[in-house]
Amino acid sequence: MGCQKDIAIEGSQNWEGLQTIVMVEFERTIKSETTIDHRYYIKFVEKRRYS
């Protein structure tokens, strides 16, 4: 059911610290009506500063 794809996202090179973008697709059916929802999760790596 799931799959993993590595794709290039236009402009992502300008997002400093961007590590991961995930899209999750939810499909549910209630009383014979089906809806599909997409949720996106974005993960950044925090840049540590050392003194």
C-alpha atoms as a PDB file:
ATOM      1  CA  MET A   1       0.000   0.000   0.000  1.00  0.00           C
ATOM      2  CA  GLY A   2       2.771   2.465   0.795  1.00  0.00           C
ATOM      3  CA  CYS A   3       5.637   3.566  -1.350  1.00  0.00           C
ATOM      4  CA  GLN A   4       8.668   5.762  -1.073  1.00  0.00           C
ATOM      5  CA  LYS A   5       9.780   8.070  -3.836  1.00  0.00           C
ATOM      6  CA  ASP A   6      12.730  10.403  -3.941  1.00  0.00           C
ATOM      7  CA  ILE A   7      11.725  13.440  -5.934  1.00  0.00           C
ATOM      8  CA  ALA A   8      13.132  16.891  -6.478  1.00  0.00           C
ATOM      9  CA  ILE A   9      10.995  19.772  -5.235  1.00  0.00           C
ATOM     10  CA  GLU A  10      11.487  22.995  -7.123  1.00  0.00           C
ATOM     11  CA  GLY A  11      13.055  25.655  -4.900  1.00  0.00           C
ATOM     12  CA  SER A  12      13.830  23.260  -2.032  1.00  0.00           C
ATOM     13  CA  GLN A  13      17.537  24.096  -2.261  1.00  0.00           C
ATOM     14  CA  ASN A  14      16.560  27.479  -0.769  1.00  0.00           C
ATOM     15  CA  TRP A  15      15.067  25.825   2.354  1.00  0.00           C
ATOM     16  CA  GLU A  16      18.058  25.706   4.678  1.00  0.00           C
ATOM     17  CA  GLY A  17      18.034  22.617   6.868  1.00  0.00           C
ATOM     18  CA  LEU A  18      15.269  20.840   4.932  1.00  0.00           C
ATOM     19  CA  GLN A  19      15.618  17.119   5.561  1.00  0.00           C
ATOM     20  CA  THR A  20      12.324  15.401   4.788  1.00  0.00           C
ATOM     21  CA  ILE A  21       8.917  16.074   3.241  1.00  0.00           C
ATOM     22  CA  VAL A  22       6.239  13.411   3.644  1.00  0.00           C
ATOM     23  CA  MET A  23       2.788  13.283   2.081  1.00  0.00           C
ATOM     24  CA  VAL A  24       0.223  10.966   3.647  1.00  0.00           C
ATOM     25  CA  GLU A  25      -2.989  10.205   1.781  1.00  0.00           C
ATOM     26  CA  PHE A  26      -6.056   9.313   3.840  1.00  0.00           C
ATOM     27  CA  GLU A  27      -9.093   7.771   2.224  1.00  0.00           C
ATOM     28  CA  ARG A  28     -12.315   7.138   4.124  1.00  0.00           C
ATOM     29  CA  THR A  29     -15.809   6.101   3.213  1.00  0.00           C
ATOM     30  CA  ILE A  30     -18.861   7.070   5.255  1.00  0.00           C
ATOM     31  CA  LYS A  31     -22.305   6.018   4.062  1.00  0.00           C
ATOM     32  CA  SER A  32     -20.985   5.265   0.564  1.00  0.00           C
ATOM     33  CA  GLU A  33     -19.325   8.703   0.233  1.00  0.00           C
ATOM     34  CA  THR A  34     -15.558   8.500  -0.161  1.00  0.00           C
ATOM     35  CA  THR A  35     -13.257  11.415   0.611  1.00  0.00           C
ATOM     36  CA  ILE A  36      -9.506  11.666   0.149  1.00  0.00           C
ATOM     37  CA  ASP A  37      -7.355  13.946   2.279  1.00  0.00           C
ATOM     38  CA  HIS A  38      -3.647  14.747   1.860  1.00  0.00           C
ATOM     39  CA  ARG A  39      -1.499  15.750   4.823  1.00  0.00           C
ATOM     40  CA  TYR A  40       2.044  17.029   4.540  1.00  0.00           C
ATOM     41  CA  TYR A  41       4.781  16.831   7.155  1.00  0.00           C
ATOM     42  CA  ILE A  42       8.014  18.797   6.805  1.00  0.00           C
ATOM     43  CA  LYS A  43      11.161  18.166   8.848  1.00  0.00           C
ATOM     44  CA  PHE A  44      14.068  20.553   9.204  1.00  0.00           C
ATOM     45  CA  VAL A  45      17.423  19.887  10.826  1.00  0.00           C
ATOM     46  CA  GLU A  46      18.211  22.516  13.396  1.00  0.00           C
ATOM     47  CA  LYS A  47      21.529  24.204  12.807  1.00  0.00           C
ATOM     48  CA  ARG A  48      23.506  24.141  16.057  1.00  0.00           C
ATOM     49  CA  ARG A  49      25.668  27.043  17.034  1.00  0.00           C
ATOM     50  CA  TYR A  50      28.733  26.437  19.139  1.00  0.00           C
ATOM     51  CA  SER A  51      30.358  29.217  21.122  1.00  0.00           C
END
